[in-house]
């Protein structure tokens, strides 16, 4: 678990984007362990479609996307405040460093 102040990073593997995450839970864990990843990792889920996880349905409803609300690619990032309210959404190509100013509002 990585916590910085009150920041917590949660990751949800998803294989809905060009089969970028084909591994099972054990394979994903080994991949991340080898790279010394220290954030919270959850089970692989769907983020779009009829089988989308309820959390992701909620995040998309509260923080719609550009043109459509669907998650368009892996690494879409949401900021959720301490009360559990989604307060920001960032594209897959937004660097975490580019999010610092948005994140600092919630420390």
Protein backbone atom coordinates (compact mmCIF):
# COMPACT_ATOMS: atom_id res chain seq x y z
CA UNK A 1 0.00 0.00 0.00
CA UNK A 2 1.32 3.44 -0.93
CA UNK A 3 0.07 6.31 1.16
CA UNK A 4 1.45 9.83 0.97
CA UNK A 5 -0.25 12.04 3.51
CA UNK A 6 -3.84 11.25 2.73
CA UNK A 7 -3.26 10.05 -0.85
CA UNK A 8 -4.01 6.44 -1.66
CA UNK A 9 -3.54 4.93 -5.10
CA UNK A 10 -5.86 2.11 -6.16
CA UNK A 11 -5.35 0.06 -9.33
CA UNK A 12 -7.93 -2.05 -11.12
CA UNK A 13 -6.52 -4.26 -13.90
CA UNK A 14 -8.75 -4.49 -16.97
CA UNK A 15 -8.34 -6.48 -20.17
CA UNK A 16 -10.91 -4.56 -22.23
CA UNK A 17 -8.30 -2.52 -24.09
CA UNK A 18 -6.51 -4.46 -26.82
CA UNK A 19 -5.86 -7.38 -24.43
CA UNK A 20 -3.22 -5.41 -22.51
CA UNK A 21 -3.89 -7.27 -19.25
CA UNK A 22 -4.42 -10.94 -20.20
CA UNK A 23 -2.87 -12.47 -17.07
CA UNK A 24 -4.69 -14.03 -14.16
CA UNK A 25 -4.51 -12.55 -10.64
CA UNK A 26 -1.32 -14.44 -9.72
CA UNK A 27 0.47 -13.41 -12.94
CA UNK A 28 -0.50 -9.77 -12.44
CA UNK A 29 0.76 -9.85 -8.82
CA UNK A 30 4.11 -11.34 -9.92
CA UNK A 31 4.50 -8.74 -12.66
CA UNK A 32 3.94 -5.90 -10.19
CA UNK A 33 6.11 -7.45 -7.47
CA UNK A 34 9.01 -7.69 -9.93
CA UNK A 35 8.64 -3.95 -10.55
CA UNK A 36 8.33 -3.12 -6.83
CA UNK A 37 4.86 -1.58 -7.25
CA UNK A 38 3.43 -0.58 -3.88
CA UNK A 39 -0.11 0.65 -4.52
CA UNK A 40 -3.32 -1.23 -3.75
CA UNK A 41 -4.19 -3.67 -6.52
CA UNK A 42 -7.68 -5.09 -6.93
CA UNK A 43 -9.03 -8.01 -8.95
CA UNK A 44 -9.27 -7.66 -12.70
CA UNK A 45 -12.62 -6.10 -13.65
CA UNK A 46 -14.56 -4.71 -16.59
CA UNK A 47 -14.91 -0.93 -16.65
CA UNK A 48 -17.23 -0.68 -19.67
CA UNK A 49 -20.28 -2.55 -20.92
CA UNK A 50 -23.00 -4.51 -19.20
CA UNK A 51 -20.49 -6.26 -16.89
CA UNK A 52 -18.78 -3.05 -15.76
CA UNK A 53 -18.00 -3.05 -12.05
CA UNK A 54 -20.47 -0.89 -10.05
CA UNK A 55 -17.62 1.35 -8.83
CA UNK A 56 -16.70 2.21 -12.40
CA UNK A 57 -20.32 2.81 -13.36
CA UNK A 58 -20.50 5.29 -10.48
CA UNK A 59 -17.20 7.00 -11.34
CA UNK A 60 -18.23 7.44 -14.99
CA UNK A 61 -21.67 8.76 -14.01
CA UNK A 62 -20.17 11.32 -11.61
CA UNK A 63 -17.20 12.34 -13.79
CA UNK A 64 -18.25 11.97 -17.41
CA UNK A 65 -15.71 11.83 -20.19
CA UNK A 66 -15.14 13.87 -23.31
CA UNK A 67 -17.81 13.02 -25.91
CA UNK A 68 -18.80 9.79 -24.10
CA UNK A 69 -18.56 8.62 -20.50
CA UNK A 70 -16.96 5.25 -21.31
CA UNK A 71 -13.38 4.57 -20.30
CA UNK A 72 -11.54 4.90 -23.60
CA UNK A 73 -8.20 3.31 -22.64
CA UNK A 74 -6.22 1.86 -19.74
CA UNK A 75 -4.79 4.26 -17.16
CA UNK A 76 -7.79 6.59 -16.99
CA UNK A 77 -7.44 8.21 -13.56
CA UNK A 78 -10.09 9.44 -11.14
CA UNK A 79 -9.60 11.61 -8.07
CA UNK A 80 -11.99 10.77 -5.24
CA UNK A 81 -12.19 12.98 -2.15
CA UNK A 82 -12.20 11.78 1.48
CA UNK A 83 -15.99 11.48 1.44
CA UNK A 84 -15.90 9.15 -1.57
CA UNK A 85 -17.10 11.75 -4.09
CA UNK A 86 -15.38 11.66 -7.49
CA UNK A 87 -13.96 15.16 -8.02
CA UNK A 88 -11.72 14.73 -11.06
CA UNK A 89 -11.05 12.61 -14.11
CA UNK A 90 -7.83 12.50 -16.11
CA UNK A 91 -7.04 10.87 -19.42
CA UNK A 92 -4.71 7.88 -19.79
CA UNK A 93 -1.95 10.09 -21.18
CA UNK A 94 -2.05 12.50 -18.22
CA UNK A 95 1.09 11.97 -16.17
CA UNK A 96 0.56 11.60 -12.41
CA UNK A 97 2.95 14.56 -12.02
CA UNK A 98 0.54 16.67 -14.06
CA UNK A 99 -2.16 15.91 -11.48
CA UNK A 100 -0.26 17.32 -8.48
CA UNK A 101 -2.09 20.67 -8.40
CA UNK A 102 -5.47 18.93 -8.55
CA UNK A 103 -4.47 16.47 -5.84
CA UNK A 104 -3.09 19.12 -3.50
CA UNK A 105 -6.59 20.63 -3.15
CA UNK A 106 -7.62 17.54 -1.20
CA UNK A 107 -4.72 17.20 1.27
